[in-house]
Amino acid sequence: MGKEKKKQLDDKLLNESDFKQKNDEQTETFNNDLDKINFAELPLESELEE
């Protein structure tokens, strides 16, 4: 395999790995934020319509 082709594959793998790590961090942040929301304190839909 040509060196250039191998470098392209290596770069692609690096990018995918970096993307996965960022995605995992975003998911963790989202889940943490979700945990902070107390759904019992949110108004019910019927209360909003009044």
N, C-alpha and C. Protein backbone atom coordinates (compact mmCIF):
# COMPACT_ATOMS: atom_id res chain seq x y z
N MET A 1 0.86 -1.19 0.00
CA MET A 1 0.00 0.00 0.00
C MET A 1 0.89 1.24 0.00
N GLY A 2 0.52 2.23 -0.80
CA GLY A 2 1.30 3.46 -0.87
C GLY A 2 1.30 4.19 0.46
N LYS A 3 2.38 4.91 0.71
CA LYS A 3 2.48 5.66 1.97
C LYS A 3 1.36 6.69 2.11
N GLU A 4 1.04 7.35 0.98
CA GLU A 4 0.00 8.38 1.01
C GLU A 4 -1.36 7.78 1.40
N LYS A 5 -1.68 6.63 0.83
CA LYS A 5 -2.95 5.96 1.11
C LYS A 5 -3.00 5.55 2.59
N LYS A 6 -1.88 5.03 3.10
CA LYS A 6 -1.83 4.62 4.51
C LYS A 6 -2.03 5.83 5.42
N LYS A 7 -1.41 6.95 5.06
CA LYS A 7 -1.55 8.17 5.87
C LYS A 7 -3.02 8.62 5.88
N GLN A 8 -3.68 8.53 4.72
CA GLN A 8 -5.09 8.92 4.65
C GLN A 8 -5.93 8.04 5.58
N LEU A 9 -5.64 6.74 5.58
CA LEU A 9 -6.38 5.82 6.45
C LEU A 9 -6.12 6.13 7.93
N ASP A 10 -4.85 6.39 8.25
CA ASP A 10 -4.50 6.73 9.64
C ASP A 10 -5.22 8.00 10.09
N ASP A 11 -5.24 9.01 9.21
CA ASP A 11 -5.93 10.27 9.53
C ASP A 11 -7.42 10.03 9.74
N LYS A 12 -7.99 9.19 8.89
CA LYS A 12 -9.43 8.89 9.00
C LYS A 12 -9.73 8.21 10.34
N LEU A 13 -8.89 7.26 10.72
CA LEU A 13 -9.08 6.58 12.01
C LEU A 13 -8.94 7.55 13.16
N LEU A 14 -7.96 8.44 13.09
CA LEU A 14 -7.77 9.44 14.14
C LEU A 14 -9.00 10.33 14.27
N ASN A 15 -9.51 10.77 13.12
CA ASN A 15 -10.69 11.64 13.13
C ASN A 15 -11.90 10.92 13.72
N GLU A 16 -12.09 9.65 13.36
CA GLU A 16 -13.23 8.90 13.89
C GLU A 16 -13.11 8.69 15.39
N SER A 17 -11.89 8.42 15.84
CA SER A 17 -11.65 8.21 17.26
C SER A 17 -11.91 9.50 18.04
N ASP A 18 -11.44 10.62 17.48
CA ASP A 18 -11.65 11.93 18.10
C ASP A 18 -13.13 12.26 18.15
N PHE A 19 -13.84 11.96 17.05
CA PHE A 19 -15.28 12.22 16.99
C PHE A 19 -16.01 11.41 18.06
N LYS A 20 -15.64 10.12 18.19
CA LYS A 20 -16.29 9.26 19.17
C LYS A 20 -16.07 9.79 20.58
N GLN A 21 -14.85 10.24 20.86
CA GLN A 21 -14.55 10.76 22.20
C GLN A 21 -15.39 12.00 22.48
N LYS A 22 -15.47 12.92 21.51
CA LYS A 22 -16.28 14.14 21.70
C LYS A 22 -17.75 13.76 21.89
N ASN A 23 -18.21 12.80 21.10
CA ASN A 23 -19.61 12.37 21.18
C ASN A 23 -19.90 11.78 22.57
N ASP A 24 -18.98 10.96 23.08
CA ASP A 24 -19.16 10.37 24.41
C ASP A 24 -19.21 11.46 25.48
N GLU A 25 -18.36 12.49 25.33
CA GLU A 25 -18.34 13.59 26.31
C GLU A 25 -19.66 14.35 26.27
N GLN A 26 -20.18 14.59 25.06
CA GLN A 26 -21.45 15.30 24.94
C GLN A 26 -22.59 14.48 25.54
N THR A 27 -22.57 13.17 25.31
CA THR A 27 -23.61 12.31 25.87
C THR A 27 -23.56 12.34 27.39
N GLU A 28 -22.36 12.30 27.95
CA GLU A 28 -22.20 12.33 29.40
C GLU A 28 -22.71 13.65 29.97
N THR A 29 -22.37 14.76 29.30
CA THR A 29 -22.84 16.08 29.74
C THR A 29 -24.36 16.14 29.69
N PHE A 30 -24.92 15.64 28.59
CA PHE A 30 -26.39 15.64 28.43
C PHE A 30 -27.04 14.84 29.56
N ASN A 31 -26.50 13.65 29.85
CA ASN A 31 -27.07 12.81 30.91
C ASN A 31 -26.95 13.49 32.27
N ASN A 32 -25.84 14.16 32.52
CA ASN A 32 -25.66 14.87 33.79
C ASN A 32 -26.68 16.00 33.91
N ASP A 33 -26.88 16.74 32.81
CA ASP A 33 -27.87 17.81 32.83
C ASP A 33 -29.27 17.25 33.05
N LEU A 34 -29.54 16.12 32.43
CA LEU A 34 -30.84 15.48 32.57
C LEU A 34 -31.09 15.09 34.03
N ASP A 35 -30.03 14.62 34.70
CA ASP A 35 -30.15 14.24 36.10
C ASP A 35 -30.49 15.44 37.00
N LYS A 36 -30.08 16.63 36.58
CA LYS A 36 -30.29 17.83 37.41
C LYS A 36 -31.73 18.34 37.32
N ILE A 37 -32.44 17.93 36.26
CA ILE A 37 -33.81 18.41 36.08
C ILE A 37 -34.73 17.61 37.00
N ASN A 38 -35.47 18.31 37.80
CA ASN A 38 -36.46 17.63 38.63
C ASN A 38 -37.81 17.72 37.91
N PHE A 39 -38.21 16.62 37.31
CA PHE A 39 -39.42 16.64 36.49
C PHE A 39 -40.67 16.91 37.32
N ALA A 40 -40.62 16.62 38.60
CA ALA A 40 -41.77 16.88 39.46
C ALA A 40 -42.03 18.38 39.59
N GLU A 41 -40.97 19.20 39.38
CA GLU A 41 -41.15 20.65 39.53
C GLU A 41 -41.66 21.31 38.24
N LEU A 42 -41.62 20.57 37.15
CA LEU A 42 -42.07 21.16 35.89
C LEU A 42 -43.59 21.22 35.86
N PRO A 43 -44.14 22.29 35.29
CA PRO A 43 -45.60 22.38 35.22
C PRO A 43 -46.15 21.33 34.26
N LEU A 44 -47.33 20.87 34.55
CA LEU A 44 -47.99 19.92 33.65
C LEU A 44 -48.51 20.66 32.44
N GLU A 45 -48.68 19.93 31.35
CA GLU A 45 -49.16 20.56 30.12
C GLU A 45 -50.52 21.22 30.34
N SER A 46 -51.36 20.58 31.13
CA SER A 46 -52.70 21.14 31.38
C SER A 46 -52.61 22.45 32.15
N GLU A 47 -51.60 22.60 33.01
CA GLU A 47 -51.43 23.84 33.76
C GLU A 47 -50.93 24.96 32.85
N LEU A 48 -50.18 24.61 31.81
CA LEU A 48 -49.64 25.62 30.91
C LEU A 48 -50.73 26.23 30.04
N GLU A 49 -51.78 25.47 29.73
CA GLU A 49 -52.81 25.94 28.81
C GLU A 49 -53.74 26.97 29.47
N GLU A 50 -53.78 26.98 30.78
CA GLU A 50 -54.72 27.87 31.47
C GLU A 50 -54.36 29.34 31.30
